[in-house]
Amino acid sequence: MKMVKSLLLGSAAGLVAVAGAQAADLPVKAKPVEYVKVCSAYGAGYFYIPGTDTCIKIGGYARFDTYVNAVGTFNPMIASTTGTGFNGPGVGVFAYPFVDGDDPDYLTRARGVFDMDARTQTDYGTLRSYVRFGAEWNSSGGAGTGASNGLYFERAFIQFSGFTFGYTQSFFDPGVGYMLTTPYAGSNMWTTMLAYTAQFGNGFSATLSLEDAANRTTGSQMTGSTAQPVFKVNTGATGLTYTNYQGGQQAPDIVANLRYDGAWGTAQLSGALHQVVTTLPLYAGFFPGMGTTDQWGWAIGGHVEFKLPMLAAGDSLFIQAGYEKGAVSYIGLSGTSQGRSTGVGSIDLTQVGGSLFATGAFYTVADAVADLFGQPALTTGWAIQGQFRHYWTPGLRSAIYAGYLSYEVPRNIVAAQDFNMWQVGFNTIWSPVKNLDIGAEVLYTKVDGSVPLNNYASVTPTGGLQGSLVGGSTDIVSGGIRVQRNF
């Protein structure tokens, strides 16, 4: 009995020891885990950043493009800002606007983009910051050249209490488009700015914006062609262009708009002031950079977008028009939202024996063009475009586009550089599942000039004359295929 009691007591002591050891090994009570919470204040897709009162939405897209007879985003090979398709195999001659067998007939591009939209409610309204950026891969730009990678930057701005600071769409522009292409007729430019928007209620608002002039400055041309033909061929080693006497930036562009947003659609009237600074030329008695003159160009524009649900859900019609004097970027022409064009056209080259023949068109583009004495005068132009989008089914839509643009230089300076541009385009996009687009687009562009393509007398930087290939008319058909997944 005594032995059994000792055994039981020993066992109990052992159990107590084990229990004590297990109690000592128990973890300390963890702090509550703060889970990500949905933020419904700003729409779908937002969530609170843990530990803050800031809501954020993360998105982006992955995209594949292939272009035929085009560069950029299906833009026809017709502008100097999209000269990828015009460069020969490293020898330096026959660059833009010349086209020959060394230039690629198609290009491909893959792009990945991320965006972040962060918003916080404050006593002064919503504080918002938005960033959109990415990277892209581009195929060969010509014979003997390889593919390239590059960064892509689209948006970075802060909005607070009616103010906008940063890089985004110009407040002159509608920021609307149903085409995969960026049309040449119509302003569509991204830039840095400091802007204030006042809300009047009932859908009415007005904005005053100071915008960086860098992307809006086209140039001040001092070597404009005259109407006098010469017989010397002078194509230059890097294609056709002009000596740009544009001076340094002195003032930002001043942009204002009046806008209405309603259930039926939107409407906006816009105006802009653009300073044109010209460095006076050496042949007029001025050392480069020592003498300048400036003028203020201007532009007016408007757009309207009608929602047409009576036809089909999502259907809409968009119309934009504008006029400029000394501010040519405000009617378009560049076909890109981050650059400017100093020339338009495309010249096909053929060789028969030892003779070189050229057909097509080329015209320079500038905010101002100077006479023989170096006195610049402002160019003028106007543009109009329309786009219509129709949903055949919720997953299948098409859009048509038509645009017209006219560019003129002062009559007493350069009679050879007026031109008109027509564009007509069509696309169809299929979305087999949500956020996946598979589309194709075709675009026809015609440059119709005031004189035949010929060598005309051109003023050199020293005041002499040389041959300059200007004039003509040309037609370009371009297009491409896009696959894009948004997330």
Protein backbone atom coordinates (compact mmCIF):
# COMPACT_ATOMS: atom_id res chain seq x y z
CA MET A 1 0.00 0.00 0.00
CA LYS A 2 2.77 2.32 0.94
CA MET A 3 4.43 1.59 -2.41
CA VAL A 4 1.21 2.35 -4.36
CA LYS A 5 0.77 5.68 -2.52
CA SER A 6 4.32 6.70 -3.31
CA LEU A 7 3.74 5.83 -6.96
CA LEU A 8 0.54 7.90 -7.12
CA LEU A 9 2.17 10.89 -5.44
CA GLY A 10 5.12 10.67 -7.80
CA SER A 11 2.82 10.50 -10.80
CA ALA A 12 0.85 13.54 -9.60
CA ALA A 13 4.04 15.50 -9.06
CA GLY A 14 5.13 14.61 -12.55
CA LEU A 15 1.82 15.75 -14.00
CA VAL A 16 2.06 19.06 -12.13
CA ALA A 17 5.60 19.57 -13.43
CA VAL A 18 4.53 18.83 -17.00
CA ALA A 19 1.52 21.13 -16.68
CA GLY A 20 3.76 23.88 -15.31
CA ALA A 21 6.17 23.49 -18.18
CA GLN A 22 3.33 23.62 -20.72
CA ALA A 23 1.92 26.76 -19.08
CA ALA A 24 5.32 28.40 -19.29
CA ASP A 25 5.45 27.65 -23.02
CA LEU A 26 2.08 29.26 -23.85
CA PRO A 27 2.44 32.32 -26.18
CA VAL A 28 1.68 35.82 -25.00
CA LYS A 29 -1.73 37.05 -26.22
CA ALA A 30 -1.24 38.50 -29.74
CA LYS A 31 -2.31 42.01 -30.66
CA PRO A 32 -5.42 42.24 -32.85
CA VAL A 33 -4.67 41.91 -36.56
CA GLU A 34 -5.81 44.90 -38.64
CA TYR A 35 -7.28 43.50 -41.83
CA VAL A 36 -7.63 45.41 -45.10
CA LYS A 37 -11.04 47.04 -45.21
CA VAL A 38 -13.08 48.01 -48.25
CA CYS A 39 -13.51 51.75 -48.83
CA SER A 40 -16.85 52.50 -50.46
CA ALA A 41 -16.63 56.31 -50.39
CA TYR A 42 -15.07 56.67 -53.86
CA GLY A 43 -16.53 53.76 -55.78
CA ALA A 44 -15.57 50.17 -56.45
CA GLY A 45 -12.00 48.92 -56.08
CA TYR A 46 -10.83 51.18 -53.22
CA PHE A 47 -9.58 49.89 -49.87
CA TYR A 48 -8.11 51.51 -46.78
CA ILE A 49 -4.33 51.48 -46.40
CA PRO A 50 -3.94 49.65 -43.02
CA GLY A 51 -3.40 52.05 -40.15
CA THR A 52 -4.56 55.12 -42.11
CA ASP A 53 -7.73 56.85 -43.25
CA THR A 54 -6.47 56.92 -46.86
CA CYS A 55 -8.26 54.92 -49.54
CA ILE A 56 -6.26 53.56 -52.47
CA LYS A 57 -7.10 51.87 -55.74
CA ILE A 58 -4.47 49.96 -57.72
CA GLY A 59 -4.88 49.07 -61.38
CA GLY A 60 -3.20 49.06 -64.75
CA TYR A 61 -3.02 47.09 -67.97
CA ALA A 62 -0.91 44.75 -70.06
CA ARG A 63 -0.98 45.46 -73.81
CA PHE A 64 0.29 44.05 -77.09
CA ASP A 65 0.23 46.13 -80.30
CA THR A 66 1.34 45.42 -83.82
CA TYR A 67 1.42 48.23 -86.39
CA VAL A 68 1.29 48.08 -90.17
CA ASN A 69 2.72 51.07 -92.08
CA ALA A 70 2.56 53.00 -88.82
CA VAL A 71 4.54 53.88 -85.70
CA GLY A 72 3.53 54.70 -82.14
CA THR A 73 -0.05 53.79 -81.42
CA PHE A 74 -1.18 53.15 -85.00
CA ASN A 75 -0.17 56.70 -86.04
CA PRO A 76 0.61 56.78 -89.76
CA MET A 77 4.28 57.26 -90.67
CA ILE A 78 3.72 60.92 -91.46
CA ALA A 79 5.13 63.06 -88.62
CA SER A 80 8.66 63.81 -87.45
CA THR A 81 7.78 62.91 -83.85
CA THR A 82 7.13 59.37 -85.04
CA GLY A 83 10.22 58.96 -87.17
CA THR A 84 11.00 55.40 -86.06
CA GLY A 85 9.82 54.03 -89.36
CA PHE A 86 11.94 56.34 -91.49
CA ASN A 87 15.53 55.59 -90.58
CA GLY A 88 17.81 53.63 -92.87
CA PRO A 89 20.46 51.12 -91.77
CA GLY A 90 22.77 53.42 -89.85
CA VAL A 91 24.20 55.44 -92.74
CA GLY A 92 22.49 58.69 -91.70
CA VAL A 93 20.88 59.57 -95.05
CA PHE A 94 17.27 59.29 -96.15
CA ALA A 95 15.86 59.74 -92.66
CA TYR A 96 12.40 61.19 -92.09
CA PRO A 97 10.41 61.89 -94.25
CA PHE A 98 12.06 59.60 -96.81
CA VAL A 99 10.78 56.03 -97.12
CA ASP A 100 12.68 53.22 -98.82
CA GLY A 101 13.22 49.48 -98.62
CA ASP A 102 15.33 49.78 -95.46
CA ASP A 103 12.36 50.93 -93.42
CA PRO A 104 10.19 48.38 -91.60
CA ASP A 105 6.68 47.65 -92.84
CA TYR A 106 5.47 46.60 -89.38
CA LEU A 107 6.38 47.15 -85.74
CA THR A 108 5.38 45.46 -82.47
CA ARG A 109 5.14 46.76 -78.93
CA ALA A 110 4.43 45.27 -75.50
CA ARG A 111 3.58 47.62 -72.64
CA GLY A 112 2.84 47.14 -68.95
CA VAL A 113 1.38 50.02 -66.92
CA PHE A 114 0.42 50.44 -63.25
CA ASP A 115 -1.69 53.18 -61.70
CA MET A 116 -2.36 54.17 -58.09
CA ASP A 117 -5.15 56.49 -56.97
CA ALA A 118 -4.97 57.53 -53.29
CA ARG A 119 -7.71 59.65 -51.68
CA THR A 120 -8.24 61.05 -48.20
CA GLN A 121 -11.23 63.01 -46.94
CA THR A 122 -10.21 66.28 -45.22
CA ASP A 123 -11.90 69.40 -43.87
CA TYR A 124 -11.12 71.03 -47.24
CA GLY A 125 -12.53 68.24 -49.35
CA THR A 126 -10.84 65.23 -50.93
CA LEU A 127 -7.06 65.10 -51.10
CA ARG A 128 -6.13 63.02 -54.14
CA SER A 129 -2.82 61.84 -55.62
CA TYR A 130 -2.61 59.82 -58.82
CA VAL A 131 0.37 58.12 -60.52
CA ARG A 132 0.36 56.13 -63.78
CA PHE A 133 3.59 54.71 -65.22
CA GLY A 134 5.11 51.62 -66.77
CA ALA A 135 7.57 50.21 -69.26
CA GLU A 136 7.47 49.01 -72.85
CA TRP A 137 9.35 46.89 -75.35
CA ASN A 138 9.58 48.05 -78.98
CA SER A 139 10.64 45.98 -81.96
CA SER A 140 13.24 46.99 -84.54
CA GLY A 141 13.07 50.55 -85.84
CA GLY A 142 14.87 49.77 -89.07
CA ALA A 143 17.36 47.56 -90.88
CA GLY A 144 20.45 46.92 -88.77
CA THR A 145 18.87 48.24 -85.57
CA GLY A 146 17.73 46.10 -82.67
CA ALA A 147 14.74 46.17 -80.38
CA SER A 148 14.65 48.51 -77.41
CA ASN A 149 13.15 48.82 -73.95
CA GLY A 150 11.94 52.06 -72.44
CA LEU A 151 10.01 53.64 -69.59
CA TYR A 152 6.49 54.94 -70.08
CA PHE A 153 5.23 57.87 -68.00
CA GLU A 154 1.67 59.17 -68.20
CA ARG A 155 0.38 60.79 -65.00
CA ALA A 156 1.64 62.17 -61.67
CA PHE A 157 -0.53 64.81 -60.02
CA ILE A 158 -2.06 66.01 -56.74
CA GLN A 159 -5.57 67.48 -56.39
CA PHE A 160 -6.63 69.40 -53.30
CA SER A 161 -9.37 71.92 -52.59
CA GLY A 162 -9.92 72.65 -56.30
CA PHE A 163 -6.19 72.83 -57.18
CA THR A 164 -4.32 70.47 -59.50
CA PHE A 165 -0.52 70.22 -59.36
CA GLY A 166 1.55 67.91 -61.57
CA TYR A 167 1.56 66.13 -64.92
CA THR A 168 -1.73 65.25 -66.60
CA GLN A 169 -4.06 66.09 -69.52
CA SER A 170 -4.12 69.76 -70.53
CA PHE A 171 -7.28 71.52 -69.38
CA PHE A 172 -7.66 72.82 -72.96
CA ASP A 173 -8.40 69.28 -74.16
CA PRO A 174 -11.43 67.03 -73.89
CA GLY A 175 -9.44 63.92 -72.99
CA VAL A 176 -11.98 61.86 -74.95
CA GLY A 177 -11.35 59.37 -77.75
CA TYR A 178 -12.85 56.15 -79.07
CA MET A 179 -10.01 55.35 -81.48
CA LEU A 180 -6.88 53.33 -80.81
CA THR A 181 -5.08 56.00 -82.85
CA THR A 182 -4.43 59.49 -81.52
CA PRO A 183 -5.86 61.60 -84.39
CA TYR A 184 -3.88 64.45 -85.91
CA ALA A 185 -6.93 66.77 -85.93
CA GLY A 186 -7.64 67.88 -82.37
CA SER A 187 -5.65 68.87 -79.30
CA ASN A 188 -4.56 66.01 -77.04
CA MET A 189 -1.54 66.89 -74.91
CA TRP A 190 -0.15 65.92 -71.50
CA THR A 191 1.88 68.48 -69.58
CA THR A 192 2.81 69.78 -66.13
CA MET A 193 0.58 72.45 -64.65
CA LEU A 194 -0.70 74.48 -61.74
CA ALA A 195 -4.47 74.81 -62.08
CA TYR A 196 -7.58 75.77 -60.11
CA THR A 197 -11.09 74.50 -60.84
CA ALA A 198 -14.18 76.22 -59.45
CA GLN A 199 -17.41 74.23 -59.15
CA PHE A 200 -20.56 76.32 -59.65
CA GLY A 201 -23.12 73.55 -59.17
CA ASN A 202 -25.66 72.03 -61.55
CA GLY A 203 -22.79 70.52 -63.59
CA PHE A 204 -20.99 73.81 -64.39
CA SER A 205 -17.28 74.38 -63.64
CA ALA A 206 -14.43 76.62 -64.79
CA THR A 207 -10.66 76.10 -64.71
CA LEU A 208 -7.68 78.45 -64.94
CA SER A 209 -4.39 76.66 -65.59
CA LEU A 210 -0.73 77.65 -65.96
CA GLU A 211 0.79 74.89 -68.12
CA ASP A 212 4.38 74.18 -69.10
CA ALA A 213 4.94 75.31 -72.68
CA ALA A 214 7.53 72.62 -73.50
CA ASN A 215 5.18 70.13 -75.17
CA ARG A 216 3.23 72.95 -76.85
CA THR A 217 6.20 74.74 -78.43
CA THR A 218 6.49 73.74 -82.09
CA GLY A 219 9.21 76.10 -83.32
CA SER A 220 10.17 79.35 -84.99
CA GLN A 221 11.18 78.71 -88.59
CA MET A 222 13.89 80.82 -90.24
CA THR A 223 14.52 78.77 -93.35
CA GLY A 224 11.12 78.67 -94.92
CA SER A 225 10.86 77.77 -98.60
CA THR A 226 9.75 80.42 -101.05
CA ALA A 227 7.72 79.81 -104.17
CA GLN A 228 10.75 80.03 -106.45
CA PRO A 229 11.87 76.62 -107.82
CA VAL A 230 15.57 75.83 -108.00
CA PHE A 231 17.30 72.89 -109.64
CA LYS A 232 19.79 71.86 -107.00
CA VAL A 233 18.77 68.79 -104.99
CA ASN A 234 19.61 69.25 -101.31
CA THR A 235 18.09 66.58 -99.11
CA GLY A 236 20.62 66.85 -96.27
CA ALA A 237 22.19 63.99 -94.34
CA THR A 238 19.36 63.45 -91.85
CA GLY A 239 16.23 64.09 -93.85
CA LEU A 240 14.27 67.30 -94.20
CA THR A 241 13.71 69.86 -91.47
CA TYR A 242 14.30 73.55 -90.81
CA THR A 243 16.63 75.60 -88.67
CA ASN A 244 14.66 76.21 -85.48
CA TYR A 245 15.25 79.65 -83.96
CA GLN A 246 12.93 79.03 -81.03
CA GLY A 247 14.09 80.94 -77.95
CA GLY A 248 14.01 79.70 -74.36
CA GLN A 249 10.80 79.48 -72.36
CA GLN A 250 9.88 82.72 -70.65
CA ALA A 251 6.27 82.15 -69.61
CA PRO A 252 3.91 79.20 -69.25
CA ASP A 253 0.85 78.78 -71.41
CA ILE A 254 -2.28 80.30 -69.89
CA VAL A 255 -5.27 77.99 -70.35
CA ALA A 256 -8.89 78.46 -69.29
CA ASN A 257 -12.09 76.50 -69.83
CA LEU A 258 -15.79 76.56 -69.04
CA ARG A 259 -17.30 73.09 -68.75
CA TYR A 260 -20.69 71.44 -68.27
CA ASP A 261 -21.27 67.82 -67.23
CA GLY A 262 -24.81 66.50 -67.40
CA ALA A 263 -26.84 63.37 -67.82
CA TRP A 264 -26.92 63.83 -71.60
CA GLY A 265 -23.14 64.30 -71.93
CA THR A 266 -20.48 67.01 -71.62
CA ALA A 267 -19.59 70.30 -73.31
CA GLN A 268 -16.55 72.54 -72.97
CA LEU A 269 -15.20 75.84 -74.33
CA SER A 270 -11.43 76.41 -74.02
CA GLY A 271 -8.92 79.17 -74.66
CA ALA A 272 -5.13 79.38 -74.49
CA LEU A 273 -2.35 81.98 -74.71
CA HIS A 274 1.04 80.71 -75.94
CA GLN A 275 4.23 82.77 -76.02
CA VAL A 276 6.38 82.42 -79.17
CA VAL A 277 9.99 83.45 -78.49
CA THR A 278 12.29 83.81 -81.52
CA THR A 279 16.06 84.17 -81.48
CA LEU A 280 16.97 86.65 -84.21
CA PRO A 281 19.34 85.27 -86.90
CA LEU A 282 22.98 86.02 -87.56
CA TYR A 283 22.33 87.16 -91.11
CA ALA A 284 20.06 89.94 -89.75
CA GLY A 285 22.93 91.29 -87.63
CA PHE A 286 22.27 89.44 -84.37
CA PHE A 287 24.58 87.03 -82.61
CA PRO A 288 22.79 83.77 -81.71
CA GLY A 289 20.98 84.15 -78.40
CA MET A 290 21.79 87.85 -78.03
CA GLY A 291 18.67 89.22 -79.66
CA THR A 292 15.14 87.87 -79.28
CA THR A 293 11.62 88.91 -80.05
CA ASP A 294 8.42 87.48 -78.66
CA GLN A 295 4.77 87.39 -79.65
CA TRP A 296 1.73 85.85 -78.02
CA GLY A 297 -0.12 83.23 -79.98
CA TRP A 298 -3.54 82.04 -79.00
CA ALA A 299 -6.06 79.27 -79.56
CA ILE A 300 -9.73 78.62 -78.98
CA GLY A 301 -11.43 75.26 -78.93
CA GLY A 302 -14.56 73.41 -77.98
CA HIS A 303 -15.97 69.95 -77.77
CA VAL A 304 -19.22 68.20 -77.01
CA GLU A 305 -19.97 64.56 -76.24
CA PHE A 306 -23.51 63.22 -76.54
CA LYS A 307 -24.58 60.01 -74.82
CA LEU A 308 -26.92 58.01 -77.06
CA PRO A 309 -28.49 55.25 -74.95
CA MET A 310 -31.56 55.30 -77.20
CA LEU A 311 -29.41 53.54 -79.84
CA ALA A 312 -27.61 51.13 -77.50
CA ALA A 313 -26.14 51.20 -74.01
CA GLY A 314 -22.74 52.91 -74.21
CA ASP A 315 -23.27 54.59 -77.59
CA SER A 316 -21.94 58.14 -77.88
CA LEU A 317 -20.95 60.88 -80.34
CA PHE A 318 -17.92 63.16 -79.81
CA ILE A 319 -17.11 66.36 -81.78
CA GLN A 320 -14.10 68.67 -81.32
CA ALA A 321 -13.05 71.83 -83.17
CA GLY A 322 -10.34 74.47 -82.72
CA TYR A 323 -8.57 77.47 -84.25
CA GLU A 324 -5.06 78.74 -83.56
CA LYS A 325 -2.69 81.57 -84.41
CA GLY A 326 0.91 80.98 -83.37
CA ALA A 327 -0.07 77.96 -81.24
CA VAL A 328 -0.26 75.10 -83.72
CA SER A 329 -0.14 72.33 -81.10
CA TYR A 330 -3.65 73.31 -79.98
CA ILE A 331 -5.17 71.97 -83.19
CA GLY A 332 -3.20 68.70 -83.10
CA LEU A 333 -0.81 67.68 -85.91
CA SER A 334 1.64 65.66 -83.79
CA GLY A 335 -0.56 62.59 -83.36
CA THR A 336 0.96 62.01 -79.93
CA SER A 337 0.08 63.18 -76.44
CA GLN A 338 3.68 63.72 -75.31
CA GLY A 339 5.42 65.46 -78.20
CA ARG A 340 5.17 67.90 -81.07
CA SER A 341 5.73 67.71 -84.79
CA THR A 342 7.91 70.07 -86.83
CA GLY A 343 6.95 68.50 -90.14
CA VAL A 344 4.37 66.26 -91.80
CA GLY A 345 4.62 64.13 -94.90
CA SER A 346 6.03 60.98 -96.42
CA ILE A 347 8.30 60.79 -99.48
CA ASP A 348 8.85 57.53 -101.36
CA LEU A 349 12.24 57.14 -103.02
CA THR A 350 13.01 55.09 -106.11
CA GLN A 351 16.27 54.75 -108.03
CA VAL A 352 16.54 54.19 -111.77
CA GLY A 353 20.14 53.86 -112.84
CA GLY A 354 22.01 56.76 -111.30
CA SER A 355 18.92 58.95 -110.93
CA LEU A 356 16.86 59.34 -107.78
CA PHE A 357 13.12 60.01 -108.00
CA ALA A 358 10.85 61.20 -105.18
CA THR A 359 7.06 61.15 -104.86
CA GLY A 360 4.85 62.10 -101.95
CA ALA A 361 4.65 65.19 -99.77
CA PHE A 362 6.50 67.14 -97.10
CA TYR A 363 5.59 70.35 -95.25
CA THR A 364 7.21 71.99 -92.25
CA VAL A 365 5.18 73.01 -89.19
CA ALA A 366 5.99 75.93 -86.87
CA ASP A 367 4.34 78.47 -84.58
CA ALA A 368 6.02 81.27 -86.51
CA VAL A 369 7.84 81.68 -89.84
CA ALA A 370 10.26 84.54 -90.56
CA ASP A 371 10.83 86.60 -93.68
CA LEU A 372 14.24 87.24 -95.28
CA PHE A 373 14.99 89.89 -92.64
CA GLY A 374 14.37 87.58 -89.70
CA GLN A 375 11.02 89.04 -88.67
CA PRO A 376 8.68 86.22 -87.59
CA ALA A 377 4.96 86.13 -88.33
CA LEU A 378 2.52 83.73 -86.68
CA THR A 379 1.04 80.78 -88.57
CA THR A 380 -2.66 79.93 -88.44
CA GLY A 381 -4.70 76.76 -88.59
CA TRP A 382 -7.98 75.12 -87.72
CA ALA A 383 -9.21 71.58 -87.21
CA ILE A 384 -12.39 69.61 -86.68
CA GLN A 385 -12.98 65.96 -85.87
CA GLY A 386 -15.87 63.66 -85.04
CA GLN A 387 -16.03 60.18 -83.52
CA PHE A 388 -19.00 57.85 -83.11
CA ARG A 389 -19.04 54.68 -81.00
CA HIS A 390 -21.66 51.95 -81.23
CA TYR A 391 -22.11 48.80 -79.14
CA TRP A 392 -23.43 45.95 -81.28
CA THR A 393 -23.59 43.82 -78.13
CA PRO A 394 -22.25 44.49 -74.61
CA GLY A 395 -19.05 42.71 -75.66
CA LEU A 396 -18.65 44.04 -79.21
CA ARG A 397 -18.24 47.68 -80.21
CA SER A 398 -17.07 49.72 -83.21
CA ALA A 399 -16.01 53.33 -83.72
CA ILE A 400 -15.65 55.55 -86.78
CA TYR A 401 -13.58 58.72 -87.01
CA ALA A 402 -13.28 61.58 -89.49
CA GLY A 403 -11.05 64.63 -89.14
CA TYR A 404 -9.87 67.62 -91.17
CA LEU A 405 -7.03 70.04 -90.48
CA SER A 406 -5.80 73.15 -92.34
CA TYR A 407 -2.42 74.86 -91.80
CA GLU A 408 -1.40 78.19 -93.34
CA VAL A 409 1.60 80.52 -93.19
CA PRO A 410 1.43 84.28 -93.82
CA ARG A 411 0.94 85.05 -97.51
CA ASN A 412 3.87 87.45 -97.73
CA ILE A 413 6.41 84.94 -96.39
CA VAL A 414 6.06 81.36 -97.57
CA ALA A 415 3.56 80.50 -100.27
CA ALA A 416 4.72 76.90 -100.57
CA GLN A 417 3.92 75.54 -97.12
CA ASP A 418 0.13 75.54 -96.81
CA PHE A 419 -1.46 72.11 -96.54
CA ASN A 420 -4.64 70.32 -95.56
CA MET A 421 -4.89 66.93 -93.89
CA TRP A 422 -7.79 64.47 -94.02
CA GLN A 423 -8.18 61.38 -91.86
CA VAL A 424 -10.81 58.64 -91.79
CA GLY A 425 -10.64 55.63 -89.48
CA PHE A 426 -12.60 52.60 -88.29
CA ASN A 427 -12.11 50.05 -85.53
CA THR A 428 -13.87 47.08 -83.98
CA ILE A 429 -13.15 45.79 -80.47
CA TRP A 430 -14.32 42.47 -79.03
CA SER A 431 -14.41 41.86 -75.28
CA PRO A 432 -15.00 38.11 -74.80
CA VAL A 433 -14.68 38.54 -71.02
CA LYS A 434 -14.67 41.55 -68.74
CA ASN A 435 -11.58 43.80 -68.98
CA LEU A 436 -10.13 42.02 -72.03
CA ASP A 437 -10.15 43.90 -75.36
CA ILE A 438 -9.14 42.44 -78.72
CA GLY A 439 -9.33 45.04 -81.47
CA ALA A 440 -8.25 46.06 -84.94
CA GLU A 441 -8.14 49.50 -86.56
CA VAL A 442 -7.58 50.92 -90.05
CA LEU A 443 -6.77 54.58 -90.75
CA TYR A 444 -6.54 56.50 -94.02
CA THR A 445 -4.60 59.79 -94.07
CA LYS A 446 -4.23 62.27 -96.93
CA VAL A 447 -1.88 65.27 -96.99
CA ASP A 448 -3.03 67.69 -99.68
CA GLY A 449 -0.60 70.55 -100.31
CA SER A 450 -0.69 73.88 -102.10
CA VAL A 451 2.18 73.23 -104.56
CA PRO A 452 3.72 70.21 -106.32
CA LEU A 453 6.62 68.43 -104.69
CA ASN A 454 9.73 70.20 -105.94
CA ASN A 455 12.99 71.81 -104.91
CA TYR A 456 12.32 75.38 -103.83
CA ALA A 457 14.61 78.16 -102.69
CA SER A 458 15.14 78.02 -98.95
CA VAL A 459 16.80 80.59 -96.69
CA THR A 460 19.87 79.26 -94.86
CA PRO A 461 20.93 80.35 -91.33
CA THR A 462 23.43 82.74 -92.94
CA GLY A 463 20.88 84.32 -95.26
CA GLY A 464 21.76 82.46 -98.44
CA LEU A 465 19.57 80.23 -100.58
CA GLN A 466 19.59 76.48 -100.99
CA GLY A 467 17.35 73.85 -102.47
CA SER A 468 14.64 72.45 -100.22
CA LEU A 469 12.27 69.63 -101.13
CA VAL A 470 8.77 70.83 -100.20
CA GLY A 471 5.21 70.42 -101.43
CA GLY A 472 3.21 67.60 -102.93
CA SER A 473 0.33 65.40 -101.81
CA THR A 474 0.30 61.86 -100.51
CA ASP A 475 -1.97 59.10 -99.20
CA ILE A 476 -1.17 56.68 -96.38
CA VAL A 477 -3.16 53.67 -95.15
CA SER A 478 -2.09 52.39 -91.72
CA GLY A 479 -3.48 50.37 -88.85
CA GLY A 480 -2.89 47.65 -86.37
CA ILE A 481 -4.11 45.06 -83.91
CA ARG A 482 -4.31 45.44 -80.12
CA VAL A 483 -4.85 42.99 -77.27
CA GLN A 484 -5.21 44.59 -73.84
CA ARG A 485 -6.11 43.24 -70.42
CA ASN A 486 -7.10 45.88 -67.82
CA PHE A 487 -6.97 45.16 -64.11
